[in-house]
Every structure is written in structure tokens, then in C-alpha cells.
Amino acid sequence: MNGQSIGDNEAFVALIQVAEEDPEMNQRLTAILRLPEFQRKSLLGSAVNEMRMNGAPEDFILAVEALRDDAIARRALQILEKRN
């Protein structure tokens, strides 16, 4: 993430905050994060490619792309599951 910590990426923090506040977003993101590693990485890779083709903001793309990292995905899932 360009040398910055994931906690410094405002888009990532915003993504997690929205998922914490929006039950539907929480359910979708939690379902993705619970997928087996290969499936999660493949799904997120496809989503990132589609977001790039559609001109999504780069910070948001990086936030979603960060979820391909196993440690980050585990931590995000822990945060989201605390709310359930």
C-alpha cells in the first residue's frame, strides 16, 4: 500500500466503517472474507479488475485489494464479526 499501513488508508477504514454500520454490506463483506483463501483472492481480484475498468477511485481499489492479504482479511473479519 505504497509504504503506508492499512490503518492509514482512509478508504480501507471507511470500507470497514460502512460495513459495520450497514447490515447488508456487513453480510456481503463477511461472506467474502469467510471464503476459502483461493476463492476470496479470486473474487477480490475480479472485483478489483472490474473497479479499475469502471474508473473507481484508486484508494478504494487499494482498500479492496488489501483484503486479498490473509492477515488483513482475518483482522477485517474479526472486526466485522464483533458487530454480529
N, C-alpha and C. Protein backbone atom coordinates (compact mmCIF):
# COMPACT_ATOMS: atom_id res chain seq x y z
N MET A 1 0.82 -1.19 0.00
CA MET A 1 0.00 0.00 0.00
C MET A 1 0.86 1.24 0.00
N ASN A 2 1.84 1.27 -0.86
CA ASN A 2 2.71 2.43 -1.02
C ASN A 2 3.42 2.81 0.26
N GLY A 3 3.83 1.81 1.06
CA GLY A 3 4.58 2.06 2.27
C GLY A 3 3.74 2.51 3.46
N GLN A 4 2.46 2.65 3.28
CA GLN A 4 1.62 3.07 4.41
C GLN A 4 0.95 1.85 5.03
N SER A 5 0.61 1.98 6.28
CA SER A 5 -0.08 0.90 6.97
C SER A 5 -1.54 0.88 6.50
N ILE A 6 -2.15 -0.28 6.58
CA ILE A 6 -3.55 -0.42 6.15
C ILE A 6 -4.44 0.50 6.99
N GLY A 7 -4.09 0.71 8.26
CA GLY A 7 -4.86 1.61 9.12
C GLY A 7 -4.77 3.06 8.70
N ASP A 8 -3.75 3.39 7.88
CA ASP A 8 -3.59 4.75 7.38
C ASP A 8 -4.36 4.98 6.09
N ASN A 9 -4.88 3.91 5.49
CA ASN A 9 -5.64 4.05 4.25
C ASN A 9 -7.07 4.43 4.61
N GLU A 10 -7.41 5.68 4.37
CA GLU A 10 -8.73 6.19 4.75
C GLU A 10 -9.85 5.42 4.06
N ALA A 11 -9.62 4.99 2.83
CA ALA A 11 -10.65 4.24 2.10
C ALA A 11 -10.90 2.88 2.76
N PHE A 12 -9.83 2.24 3.23
CA PHE A 12 -9.99 0.95 3.91
C PHE A 12 -10.76 1.13 5.22
N VAL A 13 -10.38 2.14 5.98
CA VAL A 13 -11.07 2.42 7.23
C VAL A 13 -12.54 2.73 6.96
N ALA A 14 -12.80 3.52 5.92
CA ALA A 14 -14.18 3.86 5.56
C ALA A 14 -14.95 2.61 5.13
N LEU A 15 -14.31 1.73 4.38
CA LEU A 15 -14.95 0.49 3.94
C LEU A 15 -15.39 -0.35 5.15
N ILE A 16 -14.52 -0.48 6.12
CA ILE A 16 -14.85 -1.25 7.32
C ILE A 16 -15.94 -0.54 8.12
N GLN A 17 -15.87 0.78 8.23
CA GLN A 17 -16.90 1.53 8.97
C GLN A 17 -18.26 1.38 8.32
N VAL A 18 -18.32 1.47 7.00
CA VAL A 18 -19.60 1.31 6.30
C VAL A 18 -20.13 -0.10 6.55
N ALA A 19 -19.25 -1.09 6.47
CA ALA A 19 -19.68 -2.47 6.69
C ALA A 19 -20.15 -2.68 8.13
N GLU A 20 -19.56 -1.97 9.07
CA GLU A 20 -20.01 -2.07 10.46
C GLU A 20 -21.39 -1.46 10.65
N GLU A 21 -21.70 -0.41 9.89
CA GLU A 21 -22.95 0.33 10.06
C GLU A 21 -24.08 -0.16 9.18
N ASP A 22 -23.75 -0.81 8.08
CA ASP A 22 -24.75 -1.25 7.11
C ASP A 22 -24.85 -2.77 7.15
N PRO A 23 -25.95 -3.31 7.69
CA PRO A 23 -26.07 -4.77 7.83
C PRO A 23 -25.89 -5.53 6.51
N GLU A 24 -26.41 -5.01 5.42
CA GLU A 24 -26.28 -5.70 4.13
C GLU A 24 -24.83 -5.73 3.67
N MET A 25 -24.15 -4.60 3.79
CA MET A 25 -22.73 -4.53 3.41
C MET A 25 -21.91 -5.44 4.33
N ASN A 26 -22.24 -5.44 5.61
CA ASN A 26 -21.55 -6.29 6.56
C ASN A 26 -21.70 -7.75 6.17
N GLN A 27 -22.92 -8.15 5.82
CA GLN A 27 -23.18 -9.54 5.44
C GLN A 27 -22.39 -9.91 4.19
N ARG A 28 -22.39 -9.04 3.19
CA ARG A 28 -21.66 -9.33 1.95
C ARG A 28 -20.16 -9.43 2.18
N LEU A 29 -19.62 -8.44 2.88
CA LEU A 29 -18.18 -8.44 3.10
C LEU A 29 -17.76 -9.61 3.99
N THR A 30 -18.53 -9.90 5.01
CA THR A 30 -18.24 -11.04 5.88
C THR A 30 -18.26 -12.34 5.09
N ALA A 31 -19.24 -12.49 4.21
CA ALA A 31 -19.33 -13.71 3.39
C ALA A 31 -18.09 -13.86 2.52
N ILE A 32 -17.63 -12.76 1.94
CA ILE A 32 -16.42 -12.81 1.10
C ILE A 32 -15.21 -13.19 1.95
N LEU A 33 -15.09 -12.57 3.12
CA LEU A 33 -13.93 -12.81 3.98
C LEU A 33 -13.92 -14.22 4.56
N ARG A 34 -15.07 -14.87 4.63
CA ARG A 34 -15.15 -16.24 5.15
C ARG A 34 -14.85 -17.29 4.08
N LEU A 35 -14.75 -16.89 2.83
CA LEU A 35 -14.46 -17.84 1.76
C LEU A 35 -13.07 -18.45 1.94
N PRO A 36 -12.87 -19.66 1.44
CA PRO A 36 -11.51 -20.22 1.43
C PRO A 36 -10.57 -19.26 0.69
N GLU A 37 -9.31 -19.29 1.09
CA GLU A 37 -8.30 -18.35 0.58
C GLU A 37 -8.34 -18.18 -0.93
N PHE A 38 -8.29 -19.26 -1.69
CA PHE A 38 -8.24 -19.17 -3.14
C PHE A 38 -9.48 -18.46 -3.69
N GLN A 39 -10.64 -18.84 -3.19
CA GLN A 39 -11.89 -18.24 -3.68
C GLN A 39 -11.96 -16.75 -3.32
N ARG A 40 -11.57 -16.40 -2.08
CA ARG A 40 -11.59 -14.99 -1.66
C ARG A 40 -10.67 -14.17 -2.54
N LYS A 41 -9.46 -14.66 -2.75
CA LYS A 41 -8.49 -13.91 -3.56
C LYS A 41 -8.95 -13.79 -5.00
N SER A 42 -9.54 -14.84 -5.54
CA SER A 42 -10.03 -14.80 -6.92
C SER A 42 -11.18 -13.81 -7.07
N LEU A 43 -12.14 -13.88 -6.15
CA LEU A 43 -13.28 -12.98 -6.20
C LEU A 43 -12.84 -11.53 -6.06
N LEU A 44 -11.97 -11.26 -5.10
CA LEU A 44 -11.50 -9.89 -4.90
C LEU A 44 -10.66 -9.41 -6.08
N GLY A 45 -9.87 -10.31 -6.67
CA GLY A 45 -9.09 -9.94 -7.85
C GLY A 45 -9.99 -9.54 -9.01
N SER A 46 -11.06 -10.30 -9.21
CA SER A 46 -12.02 -9.95 -10.26
C SER A 46 -12.70 -8.62 -9.97
N ALA A 47 -13.06 -8.41 -8.70
CA ALA A 47 -13.71 -7.16 -8.31
C ALA A 47 -12.78 -5.97 -8.54
N VAL A 48 -11.51 -6.12 -8.19
CA VAL A 48 -10.53 -5.05 -8.39
C VAL A 48 -10.38 -4.74 -9.87
N ASN A 49 -10.30 -5.78 -10.70
CA ASN A 49 -10.18 -5.55 -12.15
C ASN A 49 -11.39 -4.80 -12.69
N GLU A 50 -12.58 -5.20 -12.24
CA GLU A 50 -13.80 -4.53 -12.69
C GLU A 50 -13.84 -3.08 -12.21
N MET A 51 -13.43 -2.86 -10.96
CA MET A 51 -13.42 -1.49 -10.43
C MET A 51 -12.45 -0.62 -11.22
N ARG A 52 -11.30 -1.16 -11.58
CA ARG A 52 -10.32 -0.39 -12.38
C ARG A 52 -10.91 -0.05 -13.75
N MET A 53 -11.57 -1.02 -14.37
CA MET A 53 -12.17 -0.79 -15.69
C MET A 53 -13.27 0.27 -15.61
N ASN A 54 -13.95 0.35 -14.47
CA ASN A 54 -15.04 1.31 -14.29
C ASN A 54 -14.58 2.64 -13.71
N GLY A 55 -13.27 2.78 -13.50
CA GLY A 55 -12.73 4.06 -13.04
C GLY A 55 -12.97 4.37 -11.58
N ALA A 56 -13.05 3.35 -10.74
CA ALA A 56 -13.22 3.58 -9.30
C ALA A 56 -11.99 4.30 -8.74
N PRO A 57 -12.17 5.05 -7.67
CA PRO A 57 -11.02 5.74 -7.06
C PRO A 57 -9.94 4.75 -6.63
N GLU A 58 -8.70 5.11 -6.88
CA GLU A 58 -7.57 4.21 -6.60
C GLU A 58 -7.48 3.84 -5.11
N ASP A 59 -7.78 4.77 -4.21
CA ASP A 59 -7.73 4.45 -2.79
C ASP A 59 -8.73 3.35 -2.43
N PHE A 60 -9.92 3.42 -3.03
CA PHE A 60 -10.94 2.40 -2.77
C PHE A 60 -10.50 1.06 -3.34
N ILE A 61 -9.91 1.08 -4.52
CA ILE A 61 -9.40 -0.15 -5.13
C ILE A 61 -8.33 -0.77 -4.23
N LEU A 62 -7.43 0.05 -3.72
CA LEU A 62 -6.38 -0.45 -2.83
C LEU A 62 -6.97 -1.02 -1.55
N ALA A 63 -8.05 -0.41 -1.06
CA ALA A 63 -8.71 -0.91 0.16
C ALA A 63 -9.27 -2.30 -0.08
N VAL A 64 -9.93 -2.50 -1.20
CA VAL A 64 -10.50 -3.81 -1.53
C VAL A 64 -9.38 -4.80 -1.81
N GLU A 65 -8.37 -4.35 -2.54
CA GLU A 65 -7.24 -5.21 -2.87
C GLU A 65 -6.51 -5.69 -1.61
N ALA A 66 -6.48 -4.85 -0.58
CA ALA A 66 -5.80 -5.23 0.66
C ALA A 66 -6.44 -6.46 1.30
N LEU A 67 -7.73 -6.66 1.04
CA LEU A 67 -8.43 -7.81 1.61
C LEU A 67 -7.97 -9.14 1.01
N ARG A 68 -7.14 -9.08 -0.03
CA ARG A 68 -6.56 -10.31 -0.59
C ARG A 68 -5.46 -10.84 0.32
N ASP A 69 -4.89 -9.97 1.16
CA ASP A 69 -3.86 -10.36 2.11
C ASP A 69 -4.52 -11.15 3.25
N ASP A 70 -3.99 -12.33 3.55
CA ASP A 70 -4.61 -13.21 4.54
C ASP A 70 -4.72 -12.56 5.92
N ALA A 71 -3.66 -11.92 6.38
CA ALA A 71 -3.67 -11.31 7.71
C ALA A 71 -4.67 -10.16 7.78
N ILE A 72 -4.72 -9.35 6.74
CA ILE A 72 -5.65 -8.22 6.71
C ILE A 72 -7.09 -8.73 6.64
N ALA A 73 -7.32 -9.76 5.84
CA ALA A 73 -8.66 -10.34 5.73
C ALA A 73 -9.11 -10.91 7.07
N ARG A 74 -8.21 -11.61 7.77
CA ARG A 74 -8.56 -12.15 9.09
C ARG A 74 -8.92 -11.05 10.07
N ARG A 75 -8.13 -9.98 10.08
CA ARG A 75 -8.38 -8.87 11.01
C ARG A 75 -9.69 -8.16 10.67
N ALA A 76 -9.94 -7.93 9.39
CA ALA A 76 -11.19 -7.29 8.98
C ALA A 76 -12.38 -8.15 9.39
N LEU A 77 -12.26 -9.46 9.21
CA LEU A 77 -13.34 -10.36 9.59
C LEU A 77 -13.57 -10.32 11.11
N GLN A 78 -12.50 -10.28 11.88
CA GLN A 78 -12.64 -10.18 13.34
C GLN A 78 -13.40 -8.91 13.72
N ILE A 79 -13.05 -7.81 13.10
CA ILE A 79 -13.70 -6.53 13.39
C ILE A 79 -15.19 -6.62 13.06
N LEU A 80 -15.51 -7.15 11.90
CA LEU A 80 -16.89 -7.21 11.45
C LEU A 80 -17.72 -8.21 12.28
N GLU A 81 -17.10 -9.30 12.68
CA GLU A 81 -17.83 -10.31 13.46
C GLU A 81 -18.13 -9.83 14.88
N LYS A 82 -17.36 -8.89 15.37
CA LYS A 82 -17.66 -8.32 16.69
C LYS A 82 -19.01 -7.62 16.71
N ARG A 83 -19.41 -7.11 15.55
CA ARG A 83 -20.65 -6.38 15.44
C ARG A 83 -21.86 -7.31 15.35
N ASN A 84 -21.64 -8.56 14.99
CA ASN A 84 -22.76 -9.50 14.79
C ASN A 84 -23.17 -10.16 16.07
